[in-house]
PDB file of N, CA and C in Angstrom:
ATOM      1  N   MET A   1     100.332 121.266 104.608  1.00  0.00           N
ATOM      2  CA  MET A   1     101.739 121.531 104.775  1.00  0.00           C
ATOM      3  C   MET A   1     102.379 121.595 103.396  1.00  0.00           C
ATOM      4  N   LYS A   2     103.185 122.593 103.178  1.00  0.00           N
ATOM      5  CA  LYS A   2     103.853 122.767 101.892  1.00  0.00           C
ATOM      6  C   LYS A   2     105.339 122.454 102.045  1.00  0.00           C
ATOM      7  N   ILE A   3     105.856 121.646 101.127  1.00  0.00           N
ATOM      8  CA  ILE A   3     107.270 121.286 101.091  1.00  0.00           C
ATOM      9  C   ILE A   3     107.787 121.658  99.709  1.00  0.00           C
ATOM     10  N   ILE A   4     108.912 122.369  99.658  1.00  0.00           N
ATOM     11  CA  ILE A   4     109.503 122.755  98.373  1.00  0.00           C
ATOM     12  C   ILE A   4     110.899 122.152  98.277  1.00  0.00           C
ATOM     13  N   ILE A   5     111.166 121.464  97.180  1.00  0.00           N
ATOM     14  CA  ILE A   5     112.463 120.862  96.920  1.00  0.00           C
ATOM     15  C   ILE A   5     113.024 121.519  95.668  1.00  0.00           C
ATOM     16  N   PHE A   6     114.216 122.082  95.772  1.00  0.00           N
ATOM     17  CA  PHE A   6     114.832 122.747  94.632  1.00  0.00           C
ATOM     18  C   PHE A   6     115.716 121.772  93.858  1.00  0.00           C
ATOM     19  N   LYS A   7     115.583 121.830  92.549  1.00  0.00           N
ATOM     20  CA  LYS A   7     116.365 121.021  91.610  1.00  0.00           C
ATOM     21  C   LYS A   7     116.402 119.544  92.001  1.00  0.00           C
ATOM     22  N   PRO A   8     115.248 118.875  92.005  1.00  0.00           N
ATOM     23  CA  PRO A   8     115.221 117.474  92.419  1.00  0.00           C
ATOM     24  C   PRO A   8     115.823 116.494  91.414  1.00  0.00           C
ATOM     25  N   ASN A   9     116.001 116.897  90.149  1.00  0.00           N
ATOM     26  CA  ASN A   9     116.576 116.029  89.108  1.00  0.00           C
ATOM     27  C   ASN A   9     115.806 114.727  88.907  1.00  0.00           C
ATOM     28  N   ASP A  10     114.544 114.740  89.158  1.00  0.00           N
ATOM     29  CA  ASP A  10     113.703 113.567  88.926  1.00  0.00           C
ATOM     30  C   ASP A  10     112.254 114.030  88.924  1.00  0.00           C
ATOM     31  N   TYR A  11     111.385 113.170  88.492  1.00  0.00           N
ATOM     32  CA  TYR A  11     109.970 113.510  88.447  1.00  0.00           C
ATOM     33  C   TYR A  11     109.309 113.260  89.791  1.00  0.00           C
ATOM     34  N   ALA A  12     108.295 114.043  90.088  1.00  0.00           N
ATOM     35  CA  ALA A  12     107.548 113.903  91.341  1.00  0.00           C
ATOM     36  C   ALA A  12     107.058 112.477  91.519  1.00  0.00           C
ATOM     37  N   ARG A  13     106.555 111.890  90.456  1.00  0.00           N
ATOM     38  CA  ARG A  13     106.014 110.524  90.528  1.00  0.00           C
ATOM     39  C   ARG A  13     107.068 109.553  91.066  1.00  0.00           C
ATOM     40  N   ASN A  14     108.300 109.660  90.583  1.00  0.00           N
ATOM     41  CA  ASN A  14     109.357 108.750  91.025  1.00  0.00           C
ATOM     42  C   ASN A  14     109.701 108.957  92.492  1.00  0.00           C
ATOM     43  N   PHE A  15     109.861 110.216  92.901  1.00  0.00           N
ATOM     44  CA  PHE A  15     110.165 110.496  94.304  1.00  0.00           C
ATOM     45  C   PHE A  15     109.055 109.990  95.212  1.00  0.00           C
ATOM     46  N   LEU A  16     107.837 110.310  94.878  1.00  0.00           N
ATOM     47  CA  LEU A  16     106.721 109.964  95.754  1.00  0.00           C
ATOM     48  C   LEU A  16     106.475 108.458  95.800  1.00  0.00           C
ATOM     49  N   ARG A  17     106.687 107.763  94.719  1.00  0.00           N
ATOM     50  CA  ARG A  17     106.584 106.295  94.744  1.00  0.00           C
ATOM     51  C   ARG A  17     107.610 105.701  95.695  1.00  0.00           C
ATOM     52  N   ARG A  18     108.826 106.193  95.628  1.00  0.00           N
ATOM     53  CA  ARG A  18     109.881 105.681  96.509  1.00  0.00           C
ATOM     54  C   ARG A  18     109.609 106.028  97.966  1.00  0.00           C
ATOM     55  N   CYS A  19     108.763 107.007  98.199  1.00  0.00           N
ATOM     56  CA  CYS A  19     108.370 107.394  99.561  1.00  0.00           C
ATOM     57  C   CYS A  19     107.091 106.690 100.009  1.00  0.00           C
ATOM     58  N   GLY A  20     106.578 105.761  99.201  1.00  0.00           N
ATOM     59  CA  GLY A  20     105.418 104.979  99.596  1.00  0.00           C
ATOM     60  C   GLY A  20     104.083 105.487  99.097  1.00  0.00           C
ATOM     61  N   TYR A  21     104.101 106.452  98.186  1.00  0.00           N
ATOM     62  CA  TYR A  21     102.855 107.022  97.664  1.00  0.00           C
ATOM     63  C   TYR A  21     102.484 106.374  96.333  1.00  0.00           C
ATOM     64  N   ALA A  22     101.198 106.300  96.080  1.00  0.00           N
ATOM     65  CA  ALA A  22     100.685 105.771  94.819  1.00  0.00           C
ATOM     66  C   ALA A  22      99.979 106.885  94.058  1.00  0.00           C
ATOM     67  N   ALA A  23     100.119 106.867  92.742  1.00  0.00           N
ATOM     68  CA  ALA A  23      99.409 107.848  91.915  1.00  0.00           C
ATOM     69  C   ALA A  23      97.908 107.616  92.058  1.00  0.00           C
ATOM     70  N   PHE A  24      97.157 108.712  92.076  1.00  0.00           N
ATOM     71  CA  PHE A  24      95.705 108.639  92.237  1.00  0.00           C
ATOM     72  C   PHE A  24      95.063 109.673  91.327  1.00  0.00           C
ATOM     73  N   GLU A  25      94.051 109.248  90.590  1.00  0.00           N
ATOM     74  CA  GLU A  25      93.283 110.183  89.768  1.00  0.00           C
ATOM     75  C   GLU A  25      91.864 110.224  90.306  1.00  0.00           C
ATOM     76  N   ASP A  26      91.423 111.409  90.691  1.00  0.00           N
ATOM     77  CA  ASP A  26      90.078 111.579  91.235  1.00  0.00           C
ATOM     78  C   ASP A  26      89.061 111.241  90.155  1.00  0.00           C
ATOM     79  N   PRO A  27      88.193 110.251  90.406  1.00  0.00           N
ATOM     80  CA  PRO A  27      87.221 109.865  89.379  1.00  0.00           C
ATOM     81  C   PRO A  27      86.199 110.956  89.074  1.00  0.00           C
ATOM     82  N   GLY A  28      85.984 111.857  90.013  1.00  0.00           N
ATOM     83  CA  GLY A  28      85.013 112.929  89.801  1.00  0.00           C
ATOM     84  C   GLY A  28      85.561 114.098  89.015  1.00  0.00           C
ATOM     85  N   THR A  29      86.840 114.451  89.288  1.00  0.00           N
ATOM     86  CA  THR A  29      87.419 115.637  88.664  1.00  0.00           C
ATOM     87  C   THR A  29      88.498 115.319  87.635  1.00  0.00           C
ATOM     88  N   GLY A  30      89.063 114.114  87.709  1.00  0.00           N
ATOM     89  CA  GLY A  30      90.163 113.760  86.821  1.00  0.00           C
ATOM     90  C   GLY A  30      91.496 114.326  87.274  1.00  0.00           C
ATOM     91  N   GLU A  31      91.527 114.995  88.429  1.00  0.00           N
ATOM     92  CA  GLU A  31      92.750 115.609  88.937  1.00  0.00           C
ATOM     93  C   GLU A  31      93.706 114.539  89.462  1.00  0.00           C
ATOM     94  N   SER A  32      94.988 114.670  89.111  1.00  0.00           N
ATOM     95  CA  SER A  32      96.003 113.715  89.540  1.00  0.00           C
ATOM     96  C   SER A  32      96.642 114.150  90.848  1.00  0.00           C
ATOM     97  N   SER A  33      96.915 113.169  91.701  1.00  0.00           N
ATOM     98  CA  SER A  33      97.582 113.419  92.970  1.00  0.00           C
ATOM     99  C   SER A  33      98.224 112.111  93.417  1.00  0.00           C
ATOM    100  N   PHE A  34      98.652 112.054  94.673  1.00  0.00           N
ATOM    101  CA  PHE A  34      99.301 110.873  95.227  1.00  0.00           C
ATOM    102  C   PHE A  34      98.742 110.613  96.613  1.00  0.00           C
ATOM    103  N   VAL A  35      98.606 109.336  96.975  1.00  0.00           N
ATOM    104  CA  VAL A  35      98.072 108.985  98.290  1.00  0.00           C
ATOM    105  C   VAL A  35      98.933 107.904  98.936  1.00  0.00           C
ATOM    106  N   ARG A  36      98.934 107.919 100.271  1.00  0.00           N
ATOM    107  CA  ARG A  36      99.562 106.860 101.066  1.00  0.00           C
ATOM    108  C   ARG A  36      98.606 106.525 102.192  1.00  0.00           C
ATOM    109  N   ARG A  37      98.124 105.304 102.189  1.00  0.00           N
ATOM    110  CA  ARG A  37      97.150 104.866 103.188  1.00  0.00           C
ATOM    111  C   ARG A  37      97.828 104.600 104.530  1.00  0.00           C
ATOM    112  N   LEU A  38      97.087 104.854 105.602  1.00  0.00           N
ATOM    113  CA  LEU A  38      97.585 104.564 106.938  1.00  0.00           C
ATOM    114  C   LEU A  38      97.159 103.181 107.412  1.00  0.00           C
ATOM    115  N   THR A  39      96.110 102.632 106.798  1.00  0.00           N
ATOM    116  CA  THR A  39      95.602 101.299 107.129  1.00  0.00           C
ATOM    117  C   THR A  39      95.303 100.582 105.817  1.00  0.00           C
ATOM    118  N   THR A  40      94.657  99.436 105.897  1.00  0.00           N
ATOM    119  CA  THR A  40      94.259  98.732 104.678  1.00  0.00           C
ATOM    120  C   THR A  40      93.024  99.357 104.039  1.00  0.00           C
ATOM    121  N   GLU A  41      92.346 100.214 104.763  1.00  0.00           N
ATOM    122  CA  GLU A  41      91.174 100.918 104.237  1.00  0.00           C
ATOM    123  C   GLU A  41      91.627 102.109 103.387  1.00  0.00           C
ATOM    124  N   PHE A  42      90.702 102.672 102.606  1.00  0.00           N
ATOM    125  CA  PHE A  42      91.038 103.811 101.752  1.00  0.00           C
ATOM    126  C   PHE A  42      91.261 105.094 102.562  1.00  0.00           C
ATOM    127  N   TYR A  43      90.606 105.206 103.704  1.00  0.00           N
ATOM    128  CA  TYR A  43      90.757 106.335 104.630  1.00  0.00           C
ATOM    129  C   TYR A  43      91.036 105.785 106.013  1.00  0.00           C
ATOM    130  N   PRO A  44      91.825 106.496 106.822  1.00  0.00           N
ATOM    131  CA  PRO A  44      92.514 107.756 106.557  1.00  0.00           C
ATOM    132  C   PRO A  44      93.718 107.532 105.633  1.00  0.00           C
ATOM    133  N   ARG A  45      94.143 108.598 104.995  1.00  0.00           N
ATOM    134  CA  ARG A  45      95.276 108.528 104.072  1.00  0.00           C
ATOM    135  C   ARG A  45      95.954 109.887 103.993  1.00  0.00           C
ATOM    136  N   PHE A  46      97.264 109.857 103.736  1.00  0.00           N
ATOM    137  CA  PHE A  46      97.968 111.089 103.408  1.00  0.00           C
ATOM    138  C   PHE A  46      97.715 111.355 101.935  1.00  0.00           C
ATOM    139  N   HIS A  47      97.555 112.614 101.597  1.00  0.00           N
ATOM    140  CA  HIS A  47      97.203 113.008 100.237  1.00  0.00           C
ATOM    141  C   HIS A  47      98.137 114.142  99.823  1.00  0.00           C
ATOM    142  N   VAL A  48      98.754 113.985  98.664  1.00  0.00           N
ATOM    143  CA  VAL A  48      99.738 114.943  98.175  1.00  0.00           C
ATOM    144  C   VAL A  48      99.351 115.431  96.786  1.00  0.00           C
ATOM    145  N   TYR A  49      99.413 116.737  96.618  1.00  0.00           N
ATOM    146  CA  TYR A  49      99.353 117.348  95.292  1.00  0.00           C
ATOM    147  C   TYR A  49     100.757 117.854  95.000  1.00  0.00           C
ATOM    148  N   ALA A  50     101.298 117.494  93.846  1.00  0.00           N
ATOM    149  CA  ALA A  50     102.658 117.874  93.484  1.00  0.00           C
ATOM    150  C   ALA A  50     102.632 118.763  92.250  1.00  0.00           C
ATOM    151  N   LYS A  51     103.384 119.858  92.325  1.00  0.00           N
ATOM    152  CA  LYS A  51     103.502 120.784  91.198  1.00  0.00           C
ATOM    153  C   LYS A  51     104.980 120.884  90.843  1.00  0.00           C
ATOM    154  N   GLU A  52     105.286 120.582  89.588  1.00  0.00           N
ATOM    155  CA  GLU A  52     106.670 120.604  89.134  1.00  0.00           C
ATOM    156  C   GLU A  52     106.930 121.813  88.246  1.00  0.00           C
ATOM    157  N   ASP A  53     108.034 122.493  88.522  1.00  0.00           N
ATOM    158  CA  ASP A  53     108.553 123.546  87.663  1.00  0.00           C
ATOM    159  C   ASP A  53     109.932 123.098  87.191  1.00  0.00           C
ATOM    160  N   ASP A  54     110.590 123.932  86.392  1.00  0.00           N
ATOM    161  CA  ASP A  54     111.911 123.569  85.887  1.00  0.00           C
ATOM    162  C   ASP A  54     112.930 123.375  87.002  1.00  0.00           C
ATOM    163  N   ASP A  55     112.840 124.180  88.056  1.00  0.00           N
ATOM    164  CA  ASP A  55     113.867 124.139  89.092  1.00  0.00           C
ATOM    165  C   ASP A  55     113.372 123.705  90.464  1.00  0.00           C
ATOM    166  N   LYS A  56     112.086 123.359  90.596  1.00  0.00           N
ATOM    167  CA  LYS A  56     111.615 122.963  91.920  1.00  0.00           C
ATOM    168  C   LYS A  56     110.403 122.040  91.836  1.00  0.00           C
ATOM    169  N   LEU A  57     110.200 121.348  92.929  1.00  0.00           N
ATOM    170  CA  LEU A  57     109.042 120.490  93.125  1.00  0.00           C
ATOM    171  C   LEU A  57     108.329 120.996  94.368  1.00  0.00           C
ATOM    172  N   GLU A  58     107.066 121.339  94.228  1.00  0.00           N
ATOM    173  CA  GLU A  58     106.269 121.826  95.355  1.00  0.00           C
ATOM    174  C   GLU A  58     105.262 120.745  95.737  1.00  0.00           C
ATOM    175  N   ILE A  59     105.311 120.327  96.988  1.00  0.00           N
ATOM    176  CA  ILE A  59     104.438 119.270  97.492  1.00  0.00           C
ATOM    177  C   ILE A  59     103.483 119.866  98.510  1.00  0.00           C
ATOM    178  N   ASN A  60     102.193 119.678  98.295  1.00  0.00           N
ATOM    179  CA  ASN A  60     101.173 120.088  99.260  1.00  0.00           C
ATOM    180  C   ASN A  60     100.607 118.827  99.895  1.00  0.00           C
ATOM    181  N   LEU A  61     100.821 118.690 101.196  1.00  0.00           N
ATOM    182  CA  LEU A  61     100.476 117.487 101.941  1.00  0.00           C
ATOM    183  C   LEU A  61      99.343 117.761 102.911  1.00  0.00           C
ATOM    184  N   HIS A  62      98.403 116.834 102.986  1.00  0.00           N
ATOM    185  CA  HIS A  62      97.380 116.881 104.031  1.00  0.00           C
ATOM    186  C   HIS A  62      96.920 115.469 104.351  1.00  0.00           C
ATOM    187  N   LEU A  63      96.143 115.336 105.405  1.00  0.00           N
ATOM    188  CA  LEU A  63      95.612 114.053 105.844  1.00  0.00           C
ATOM    189  C   LEU A  63      94.115 114.034 105.604  1.00  0.00           C
ATOM    190  N   ASP A  64      93.665 113.080 104.799  1.00  0.00           N
ATOM    191  CA  ASP A  64      92.226 112.875 104.586  1.00  0.00           C
ATOM    192  C   ASP A  64      91.747 111.870 105.624  1.00  0.00           C
ATOM    193  N   GLN A  65      90.878 112.300 106.530  1.00  0.00           N
ATOM    194  CA  GLN A  65      90.355 111.404 107.558  1.00  0.00           C
ATOM    195  C   GLN A  65      89.221 110.535 107.032  1.00  0.00           C
ATOM    196  N   LYS A  66      88.448 111.104 106.085  1.00  0.00           N
ATOM    197  CA  LYS A  66      87.296 110.377 105.546  1.00  0.00           C
ATOM    198  C   LYS A  66      87.000 110.880 104.142  1.00  0.00           C
ATOM    199  N   LYS A  67      86.132 110.178 103.459  1.00  0.00           N
ATOM    200  CA  LYS A  67      85.734 110.558 102.110  1.00  0.00           C
ATOM    201  C   LYS A  67      85.044 111.920 102.139  1.00  0.00           C
ATOM    202  N   PRO A  68      85.370 112.792 101.178  1.00  0.00           N
ATOM    203  CA  PRO A  68      84.688 114.091 101.126  1.00  0.00           C
ATOM    204  C   PRO A  68      83.181 113.916 100.968  1.00  0.00           C
ATOM    205  N   SER A  69      82.442 114.769 101.634  1.00  0.00           N
ATOM    206  CA  SER A  69      80.978 114.730 101.493  1.00  0.00           C
ATOM    207  C   SER A  69      80.532 116.023 100.837  1.00  0.00           C
ATOM    208  N   TYR A  70      79.657 115.896  99.890  1.00  0.00           N
ATOM    209  CA  TYR A  70      79.213 117.059  99.136  1.00  0.00           C
ATOM    210  C   TYR A  70      77.749 117.374  99.399  1.00  0.00           C
ATOM    211  N   GLY A  71      77.233 116.896 100.514  1.00  0.00           N
ATOM    212  CA  GLY A  71      75.837 117.151 100.853  1.00  0.00           C
ATOM    213  C   GLY A  71      75.595 118.599 101.232  1.00  0.00           C
ATOM    214  N   GLU A  72      74.360 118.977 101.259  1.00  0.00           N
ATOM    215  CA  GLU A  72      73.980 120.348 101.572  1.00  0.00           C
ATOM    216  C   GLU A  72      74.390 120.703 102.998  1.00  0.00           C
ATOM    217  N   GLY A  73      75.052 121.829 103.150  1.00  0.00           N
ATOM    218  CA  GLY A  73      75.438 122.316 104.463  1.00  0.00           C
ATOM    219  C   GLY A  73      76.682 121.670 105.052  1.00  0.00           C
ATOM    220  N   SER A  74      77.370 120.842 104.292  1.00  0.00           N
ATOM    221  CA  SER A  74      78.574 120.204 104.825  1.00  0.00           C
ATOM    222  C   SER A  74      79.798 120.688 104.060  1.00  0.00           C
ATOM    223  N   HIS A  75      80.937 120.531 104.703  1.00  0.00           N
ATOM    224  CA  HIS A  75      82.190 120.883 104.043  1.00  0.00           C
ATOM    225  C   HIS A  75      82.538 119.783 103.043  1.00  0.00           C
ATOM    226  N   ALA A  76      83.042 120.172 101.908  1.00  0.00           N
ATOM    227  CA  ALA A  76      83.362 119.206 100.861  1.00  0.00           C
ATOM    228  C   ALA A  76      84.597 118.382 101.212  1.00  0.00           C
ATOM    229  N   HIS A  77      85.461 118.924 102.057  1.00  0.00           N
ATOM    230  CA  HIS A  77      86.735 118.279 102.303  1.00  0.00           C
ATOM    231  C   HIS A  77      87.010 118.221 103.795  1.00  0.00           C
ATOM    232  N   SER A  78      87.489 117.067 104.257  1.00  0.00           N
ATOM    233  CA  SER A  78      87.784 116.908 105.679  1.00  0.00           C
ATOM    234  C   SER A  78      89.283 116.756 105.906  1.00  0.00           C
ATOM    235  N   GLY A  79      90.088 117.409 105.093  1.00  0.00           N
ATOM    236  CA  GLY A  79      91.535 117.292 105.193  1.00  0.00           C
ATOM    237  C   GLY A  79      92.110 118.084 106.343  1.00  0.00           C
ATOM    238  N   GLU A  80      93.165 117.525 106.943  1.00  0.00           N
ATOM    239  CA  GLU A  80      93.921 118.207 107.991  1.00  0.00           C
ATOM    240  C   GLU A  80      95.251 118.635 107.392  1.00  0.00           C
ATOM    241  N   TYR A  81      95.560 119.919 107.496  1.00  0.00           N
ATOM    242  CA  TYR A  81      96.773 120.458 106.890  1.00  0.00           C
ATOM    243  C   TYR A  81      97.890 120.682 107.896  1.00  0.00           C
ATOM    244  N   ASP A  82      97.617 120.443 109.164  1.00  0.00           N
ATOM    245  CA  ASP A  82      98.644 120.526 110.191  1.00  0.00           C
ATOM    246  C   ASP A  82      98.306 119.518 111.280  1.00  0.00           C
ATOM    247  N   GLY A  83      99.051 119.527 112.345  1.00  0.00           N
ATOM    248  CA  GLY A  83      98.869 118.547 113.401  1.00  0.00           C
ATOM    249  C   GLY A  83     100.037 117.578 113.422  1.00  0.00           C
ATOM    250  N   GLU A  84     100.111 116.795 114.479  1.00  0.00           N
ATOM    251  CA  GLU A  84     101.260 115.921 114.699  1.00  0.00           C
ATOM    252  C   GLU A  84     101.479 114.911 113.574  1.00  0.00           C
ATOM    253  N   LEU A  85     100.419 114.254 113.111  1.00  0.00           N
ATOM    254  CA  LEU A  85     100.576 113.261 112.040  1.00  0.00           C
ATOM    255  C   LEU A  85     101.085 113.890 110.748  1.00  0.00           C
ATOM    256  N   VAL A  86     100.532 115.032 110.387  1.00  0.00           N
ATOM    257  CA  VAL A  86     100.947 115.709 109.151  1.00  0.00           C
ATOM    258  C   VAL A  86     102.385 116.207 109.284  1.00  0.00           C
ATOM    259  N   GLU A  87     102.732 116.776 110.442  1.00  0.00           N
ATOM    260  CA  GLU A  87     104.098 117.265 110.660  1.00  0.00           C
ATOM    261  C   GLU A  87     105.106 116.112 110.585  1.00  0.00           C
ATOM    262  N   THR A  88     104.767 114.986 111.203  1.00  0.00           N
ATOM    263  CA  THR A  88     105.656 113.823 111.187  1.00  0.00           C
ATOM    264  C   THR A  88     105.831 113.288 109.769  1.00  0.00           C
ATOM    265  N   GLU A  89     104.738 113.201 109.027  1.00  0.00           N
ATOM    266  CA  GLU A  89     104.824 112.727 107.640  1.00  0.00           C
ATOM    267  C   GLU A  89     105.603 113.717 106.776  1.00  0.00           C
ATOM    268  N   GLY A  90     105.403 115.010 106.997  1.00  0.00           N
ATOM    269  CA  GLY A  90     106.153 116.015 106.249  1.00  0.00           C
ATOM    270  C   GLY A  90     107.646 115.892 106.483  1.00  0.00           C
ATOM    271  N   LEU A  91     108.032 115.678 107.729  1.00  0.00           N
ATOM    272  CA  LEU A  91     109.445 115.496 108.059  1.00  0.00           C
ATOM    273  C   LEU A  91     109.987 114.209 107.428  1.00  0.00           C
ATOM    274  N   ARG A  92     109.195 113.143 107.471  1.00  0.00           N
ATOM    275  CA  ARG A  92     109.605 111.883 106.846  1.00  0.00           C
ATOM    276  C   ARG A  92     109.832 112.077 105.349  1.00  0.00           C
ATOM    277  N   LEU A  93     108.907 112.776 104.695  1.00  0.00           N
ATOM    278  CA  LEU A  93     109.043 113.041 103.258  1.00  0.00           C
ATOM    279  C   LEU A  93     110.292 113.862 102.963  1.00  0.00           C
ATOM    280  N   GLN A  94     110.520 114.913 103.734  1.00  0.00           N
ATOM    281  CA  GLN A  94     111.693 115.760 103.516  1.00  0.00           C
ATOM    282  C   GLN A  94     112.979 114.958 103.661  1.00  0.00           C
ATOM    283  N   ASN A  95     113.061 114.138 104.704  1.00  0.00           N
ATOM    284  CA  ASN A  95     114.261 113.328 104.928  1.00  0.00           C
ATOM    285  C   ASN A  95     114.448 112.291 103.829  1.00  0.00           C
ATOM    286  N   GLU A  96     113.380 111.633 103.449  1.00  0.00           N
ATOM    287  CA  GLU A  96     113.453 110.606 102.407  1.00  0.00           C
ATOM    288  C   GLU A  96     113.855 111.217 101.061  1.00  0.00           C
ATOM    289  N   ILE A  97     113.279 112.334 100.726  1.00  0.00           N
ATOM    290  CA  ILE A  97     113.598 112.978  99.449  1.00  0.00           C
ATOM    291  C   ILE A  97     115.033 113.488  99.447  1.00  0.00           C
ATOM    292  N   ALA A  98     115.501 114.042 100.570  1.00  0.00           N
ATOM    293  CA  ALA A  98     116.895 114.486 100.663  1.00  0.00           C
ATOM    294  C   ALA A  98     117.837 113.300 100.451  1.00  0.00           C
ATOM    295  N   TYR A  99     117.500 112.162 101.042  1.00  0.00           N
ATOM    296  CA  TYR A  99     118.307 110.952 100.865  1.00  0.00           C
ATOM    297  C   TYR A  99     118.308 110.510  99.400  1.00  0.00           C
ATOM    298  N   LEU A 100     117.139 110.510  98.775  1.00  0.00           N
ATOM    299  CA  LEU A 100     117.036 110.085  97.378  1.00  0.00           C
ATOM    300  C   LEU A 100     117.818 111.005  96.450  1.00  0.00           C
ATOM    301  N   ILE A 101     117.805 112.303  96.723  1.00  0.00           N
ATOM    302  CA  ILE A 101     118.569 113.252  95.902  1.00  0.00           C
ATOM    303  C   ILE A 101     120.063 112.976  96.045  1.00  0.00           C
ATOM    304  N   LYS A 102     120.526 112.764  97.272  1.00  0.00           N
ATOM    305  CA  LYS A 102     121.947 112.452  97.488  1.00  0.00           C
ATOM    306  C   LYS A 102     122.320 111.148  96.787  1.00  0.00           C
ATOM    307  N   GLU A 103     121.446 110.162  96.875  1.00  0.00           N
ATOM    308  CA  GLU A 103     121.683 108.872  96.227  1.00  0.00           C
ATOM    309  C   GLU A 103     121.815 109.046  94.715  1.00  0.00           C
ATOM    310  N   ARG A 104     120.955 109.862  94.128  1.00  0.00           N
ATOM    311  CA  ARG A 104     121.001 110.121  92.678  1.00  0.00           C
ATOM    312  C   ARG A 104     122.302 110.787  92.267  1.00  0.00           C
ATOM    313  N   ARG A 105     122.802 111.649  93.138  1.00  0.00           N
ATOM    314  CA  ARG A 105     124.024 112.393  92.819  1.00  0.00           C
ATOM    315  C   ARG A 105     125.281 111.600  93.158  1.00  0.00           C
ATOM    316  N   GLY A 106     125.110 110.429  93.759  1.00  0.00           N
ATOM    317  CA  GLY A 106     126.256 109.605  94.124  1.00  0.00           C
ATOM    318  C   GLY A 106     126.934 110.045  95.396  1.00  0.00           C
ATOM    319  N   GLU A 107     126.223 110.810  96.234  1.00  0.00           N
ATOM    320  CA  GLU A 107     126.780 111.258  97.509  1.00  0.00           C
ATOM    321  C   GLU A 107     126.443 110.245  98.593  1.00  0.00           C
ATOM    322  N   ASP A 108     127.236 110.243  99.644  1.00  0.00           N
ATOM    323  CA  ASP A 108     126.957 109.354 100.783  1.00  0.00           C
ATOM    324  C   ASP A 108     126.312 110.091 101.904  1.00  0.00           C
TER     325      ASP A 108
END
């Protein structure tokens, strides 16, 4: 699921932390992203890649059900990009970020 926020006036890291996400760096690739666990275990978890431009923040959200497997004949990634859980989390993120933007601007 893709979410685009125009002129957020803050860094992705700050918004996503306030929404319950933690910064995560993939030990295999070094790629930075954000995760929010659904339980005390590492999986399942919501996983976000954030891309910042001068005027917008683009969030790519999916649900990781389990650790990626790189064995022969298997898919490397078991992420879900749609479905009820992803849609609900996407809506939660949109609402939370809209609230945070209003709060930053001093709006009620």
